[in-house]
N, C-alpha and C. Protein backbone atom coordinates (compact mmCIF):
# COMPACT_ATOMS: atom_id res chain seq x y z
N GLY A 1 -92.90 -131.42 2.14
CA GLY A 1 -93.16 -132.41 1.14
C GLY A 1 -92.17 -133.54 1.19
N GLU A 2 -92.40 -134.52 0.40
CA GLU A 2 -91.54 -135.70 0.38
C GLU A 2 -90.21 -135.45 -0.32
N ASP A 3 -90.12 -134.34 -1.05
CA ASP A 3 -88.89 -134.08 -1.80
C ASP A 3 -87.96 -133.07 -1.12
N VAL A 4 -88.24 -132.72 0.15
CA VAL A 4 -87.37 -131.81 0.91
C VAL A 4 -87.09 -132.44 2.26
N HIS A 5 -85.83 -132.39 2.67
CA HIS A 5 -85.42 -132.92 3.97
C HIS A 5 -84.73 -131.79 4.73
N ALA A 6 -85.16 -131.54 5.96
CA ALA A 6 -84.55 -130.49 6.78
C ALA A 6 -84.38 -130.98 8.20
N PHE A 7 -83.28 -130.57 8.83
CA PHE A 7 -83.05 -130.93 10.23
C PHE A 7 -82.14 -129.90 10.88
N VAL A 8 -82.08 -129.94 12.21
CA VAL A 8 -81.31 -128.99 13.02
C VAL A 8 -80.20 -129.74 13.72
N ARG A 9 -79.03 -129.10 13.78
CA ARG A 9 -77.89 -129.59 14.58
C ARG A 9 -77.39 -128.40 15.38
N TYR A 10 -76.97 -128.67 16.61
CA TYR A 10 -76.45 -127.59 17.44
C TYR A 10 -75.41 -128.10 18.42
N ALA A 11 -74.49 -127.22 18.77
CA ALA A 11 -73.47 -127.50 19.79
C ALA A 11 -73.02 -126.14 20.32
N GLY A 12 -73.18 -125.93 21.60
CA GLY A 12 -72.79 -124.65 22.18
C GLY A 12 -73.57 -123.52 21.54
N GLU A 13 -72.87 -122.53 21.03
CA GLU A 13 -73.49 -121.37 20.39
C GLU A 13 -73.83 -121.61 18.92
N ASP A 14 -73.34 -122.69 18.34
CA ASP A 14 -73.59 -122.97 16.92
C ASP A 14 -74.94 -123.64 16.72
N LYS A 15 -75.77 -123.01 15.87
CA LYS A 15 -77.09 -123.53 15.55
C LYS A 15 -77.19 -123.63 14.03
N LEU A 16 -77.36 -124.84 13.51
CA LEU A 16 -77.41 -125.07 12.07
C LEU A 16 -78.75 -125.66 11.66
N VAL A 17 -79.25 -125.19 10.52
CA VAL A 17 -80.43 -125.78 9.90
C VAL A 17 -79.98 -126.25 8.52
N ILE A 18 -80.07 -127.55 8.29
CA ILE A 18 -79.64 -128.14 7.03
C ILE A 18 -80.89 -128.45 6.21
N VAL A 19 -80.89 -127.98 4.96
CA VAL A 19 -82.03 -128.19 4.06
C VAL A 19 -81.50 -128.81 2.77
N THR A 20 -82.10 -129.92 2.36
CA THR A 20 -81.72 -130.57 1.11
C THR A 20 -82.99 -130.80 0.29
N GLY A 21 -82.93 -130.38 -0.97
CA GLY A 21 -84.07 -130.56 -1.86
C GLY A 21 -83.78 -131.63 -2.90
N PHE A 22 -84.74 -132.49 -3.09
CA PHE A 22 -84.68 -133.52 -4.12
C PHE A 22 -85.72 -133.23 -5.20
N ASN A 23 -86.11 -131.95 -5.25
CA ASN A 23 -87.14 -131.50 -6.18
C ASN A 23 -86.58 -131.35 -7.60
N GLU A 24 -87.39 -131.70 -8.59
CA GLU A 24 -86.97 -131.62 -9.98
C GLU A 24 -87.14 -130.23 -10.57
N VAL A 25 -88.01 -129.42 -9.98
CA VAL A 25 -88.21 -128.03 -10.43
C VAL A 25 -88.08 -127.11 -9.22
N GLY A 26 -87.70 -125.86 -9.48
CA GLY A 26 -87.57 -124.90 -8.40
C GLY A 26 -88.91 -124.63 -7.73
N LYS A 27 -88.85 -124.31 -6.44
CA LYS A 27 -90.07 -123.98 -5.72
C LYS A 27 -89.72 -123.19 -4.47
N THR A 28 -90.70 -122.51 -3.94
CA THR A 28 -90.54 -121.78 -2.68
C THR A 28 -91.10 -122.65 -1.57
N ILE A 29 -90.31 -122.81 -0.50
CA ILE A 29 -90.75 -123.63 0.62
C ILE A 29 -90.71 -122.79 1.90
N LYS A 30 -91.41 -123.25 2.91
CA LYS A 30 -91.36 -122.65 4.23
C LYS A 30 -90.72 -123.67 5.16
N VAL A 31 -89.62 -123.26 5.80
CA VAL A 31 -88.93 -124.10 6.76
C VAL A 31 -89.31 -123.59 8.14
N LYS A 32 -89.78 -124.48 9.03
CA LYS A 32 -90.14 -124.08 10.38
C LYS A 32 -89.44 -124.97 11.39
N ILE A 33 -88.74 -124.32 12.31
CA ILE A 33 -88.12 -125.03 13.42
C ILE A 33 -89.22 -125.21 14.47
N PRO A 34 -89.51 -126.45 14.87
CA PRO A 34 -90.55 -126.67 15.88
C PRO A 34 -90.21 -125.91 17.18
N ASP A 35 -91.25 -125.45 17.87
CA ASP A 35 -91.05 -124.65 19.09
C ASP A 35 -90.18 -125.36 20.12
N ASP A 36 -90.41 -126.66 20.33
CA ASP A 36 -89.64 -127.37 21.35
C ASP A 36 -88.16 -127.48 20.97
N VAL A 37 -87.88 -127.60 19.69
CA VAL A 37 -86.49 -127.65 19.21
C VAL A 37 -85.86 -126.27 19.35
N ALA A 38 -86.60 -125.22 18.97
CA ALA A 38 -86.09 -123.85 19.09
C ALA A 38 -85.71 -123.55 20.54
N GLU A 39 -86.56 -123.96 21.47
CA GLU A 39 -86.28 -123.73 22.89
C GLU A 39 -85.02 -124.50 23.33
N LYS A 40 -84.90 -125.73 22.88
CA LYS A 40 -83.76 -126.57 23.26
C LYS A 40 -82.43 -125.99 22.77
N VAL A 41 -82.43 -125.38 21.58
CA VAL A 41 -81.18 -124.83 21.03
C VAL A 41 -80.93 -123.39 21.48
N GLY A 42 -81.89 -122.80 22.23
CA GLY A 42 -81.68 -121.48 22.79
C GLY A 42 -82.25 -120.32 22.02
N LEU A 43 -83.16 -120.58 21.07
CA LEU A 43 -83.82 -119.49 20.36
C LEU A 43 -84.99 -118.99 21.20
N LYS A 44 -85.17 -117.67 21.21
CA LYS A 44 -86.24 -117.07 22.01
C LYS A 44 -87.27 -116.41 21.11
N LYS A 45 -88.55 -116.47 21.50
CA LYS A 45 -89.64 -115.90 20.71
C LYS A 45 -89.43 -114.42 20.42
N ASP A 46 -88.83 -113.68 21.36
CA ASP A 46 -88.65 -112.24 21.16
C ASP A 46 -87.30 -111.91 20.53
N GLY A 47 -86.54 -112.94 20.12
CA GLY A 47 -85.24 -112.72 19.50
C GLY A 47 -85.38 -112.36 18.02
N VAL A 48 -84.34 -111.75 17.49
CA VAL A 48 -84.28 -111.43 16.06
C VAL A 48 -83.12 -112.24 15.49
N TYR A 49 -83.41 -113.11 14.52
CA TYR A 49 -82.41 -114.03 14.01
C TYR A 49 -82.29 -113.95 12.49
N ILE A 50 -81.08 -114.18 12.04
CA ILE A 50 -80.76 -114.27 10.62
C ILE A 50 -80.09 -115.63 10.41
N ALA A 51 -80.41 -116.25 9.29
CA ALA A 51 -79.77 -117.53 8.93
C ALA A 51 -78.99 -117.31 7.64
N ARG A 52 -77.69 -117.58 7.70
CA ARG A 52 -76.81 -117.41 6.53
C ARG A 52 -76.33 -118.78 6.07
N ASP A 53 -76.37 -118.98 4.75
CA ASP A 53 -75.92 -120.24 4.18
C ASP A 53 -74.39 -120.32 4.19
N LEU A 54 -73.87 -121.40 4.73
CA LEU A 54 -72.42 -121.60 4.81
C LEU A 54 -71.85 -122.29 3.57
N LEU A 55 -72.68 -122.99 2.80
CA LEU A 55 -72.18 -123.71 1.63
C LEU A 55 -71.84 -122.78 0.47
N TRP A 56 -72.83 -121.99 0.05
CA TRP A 56 -72.67 -121.17 -1.15
C TRP A 56 -72.50 -119.69 -0.81
N ARG A 57 -72.84 -119.33 0.41
CA ARG A 57 -72.73 -117.93 0.87
C ARG A 57 -73.50 -116.95 -0.02
N GLU A 58 -74.56 -117.44 -0.65
CA GLU A 58 -75.37 -116.60 -1.52
C GLU A 58 -76.72 -116.28 -0.92
N VAL A 59 -77.12 -117.01 0.12
CA VAL A 59 -78.47 -116.86 0.65
C VAL A 59 -78.41 -116.47 2.13
N GLU A 60 -79.24 -115.47 2.46
CA GLU A 60 -79.42 -115.05 3.85
C GLU A 60 -80.91 -114.83 4.03
N VAL A 61 -81.47 -115.38 5.08
CA VAL A 61 -82.90 -115.25 5.32
C VAL A 61 -83.14 -114.76 6.74
N GLY A 62 -84.22 -114.02 6.91
CA GLY A 62 -84.64 -113.60 8.24
C GLY A 62 -85.55 -114.66 8.83
N VAL A 63 -85.30 -115.01 10.07
CA VAL A 63 -86.12 -116.00 10.76
C VAL A 63 -87.28 -115.27 11.43
N GLN A 64 -88.50 -115.69 11.15
CA GLN A 64 -89.70 -115.05 11.69
C GLN A 64 -89.87 -115.41 13.17
N PRO A 65 -90.72 -114.65 13.90
CA PRO A 65 -90.94 -114.94 15.33
C PRO A 65 -91.45 -116.36 15.62
N ASP A 66 -92.06 -117.02 14.61
CA ASP A 66 -92.51 -118.41 14.82
C ASP A 66 -91.43 -119.42 14.42
N PHE A 67 -90.18 -118.92 14.26
CA PHE A 67 -89.01 -119.73 13.91
C PHE A 67 -89.13 -120.36 12.52
N SER A 68 -89.67 -119.61 11.59
CA SER A 68 -89.80 -120.09 10.21
C SER A 68 -89.13 -119.11 9.26
N PHE A 69 -88.85 -119.59 8.05
CA PHE A 69 -88.35 -118.74 6.98
C PHE A 69 -88.72 -119.36 5.64
N GLU A 70 -88.85 -118.50 4.63
CA GLU A 70 -89.12 -118.97 3.28
C GLU A 70 -87.81 -119.08 2.52
N LEU A 71 -87.77 -120.03 1.61
CA LEU A 71 -86.55 -120.30 0.87
C LEU A 71 -86.91 -120.67 -0.57
N ASN A 72 -86.25 -120.02 -1.52
CA ASN A 72 -86.38 -120.41 -2.92
C ASN A 72 -85.43 -121.58 -3.15
N LEU A 73 -85.99 -122.73 -3.37
CA LEU A 73 -85.22 -123.96 -3.46
C LEU A 73 -85.04 -124.35 -4.93
N LYS A 74 -83.82 -124.24 -5.42
CA LYS A 74 -83.51 -124.67 -6.78
C LYS A 74 -83.55 -126.19 -6.84
N PRO A 75 -83.68 -126.76 -8.04
CA PRO A 75 -83.68 -128.22 -8.14
C PRO A 75 -82.39 -128.83 -7.56
N TYR A 76 -82.57 -129.88 -6.81
CA TYR A 76 -81.47 -130.68 -6.26
C TYR A 76 -80.42 -129.81 -5.55
N SER A 77 -80.87 -128.96 -4.65
CA SER A 77 -79.95 -128.06 -3.96
C SER A 77 -79.88 -128.36 -2.46
N SER A 78 -78.81 -127.89 -1.83
CA SER A 78 -78.62 -128.07 -0.40
C SER A 78 -78.12 -126.77 0.21
N PHE A 79 -78.46 -126.58 1.48
CA PHE A 79 -78.03 -125.41 2.23
C PHE A 79 -77.68 -125.83 3.65
N ILE A 80 -76.70 -125.16 4.22
CA ILE A 80 -76.41 -125.29 5.64
C ILE A 80 -76.49 -123.87 6.20
N PHE A 81 -77.58 -123.60 6.91
CA PHE A 81 -77.79 -122.27 7.46
C PHE A 81 -77.28 -122.20 8.89
N LYS A 82 -76.49 -121.18 9.17
CA LYS A 82 -76.07 -120.89 10.54
C LYS A 82 -76.98 -119.79 11.06
N VAL A 83 -77.66 -120.05 12.16
CA VAL A 83 -78.60 -119.10 12.74
C VAL A 83 -77.87 -118.25 13.78
N LYS A 84 -77.99 -116.93 13.61
CA LYS A 84 -77.33 -115.99 14.52
C LYS A 84 -78.28 -114.87 14.89
N GLU A 85 -78.02 -114.25 16.04
CA GLU A 85 -78.80 -113.07 16.45
C GLU A 85 -78.34 -111.86 15.70
């Protein structure tokens, strides 16, 4: 949607997914890393990945085989997820 901004940054082994919500009410969103981006950063379809939030350290999500995850997004919140095997 227009009220959520997400992007990927990576360097070496570090893979980050940054999500920022400009939503006025809480909602559940689905974040999906495009296949070509996942391949470029070194994620594999048969891999098992977890993304942990580095900002608040309160959220950990499992990354699905299609490189997506669901997130409960509080109003006006931000996350920096580090993706690890």
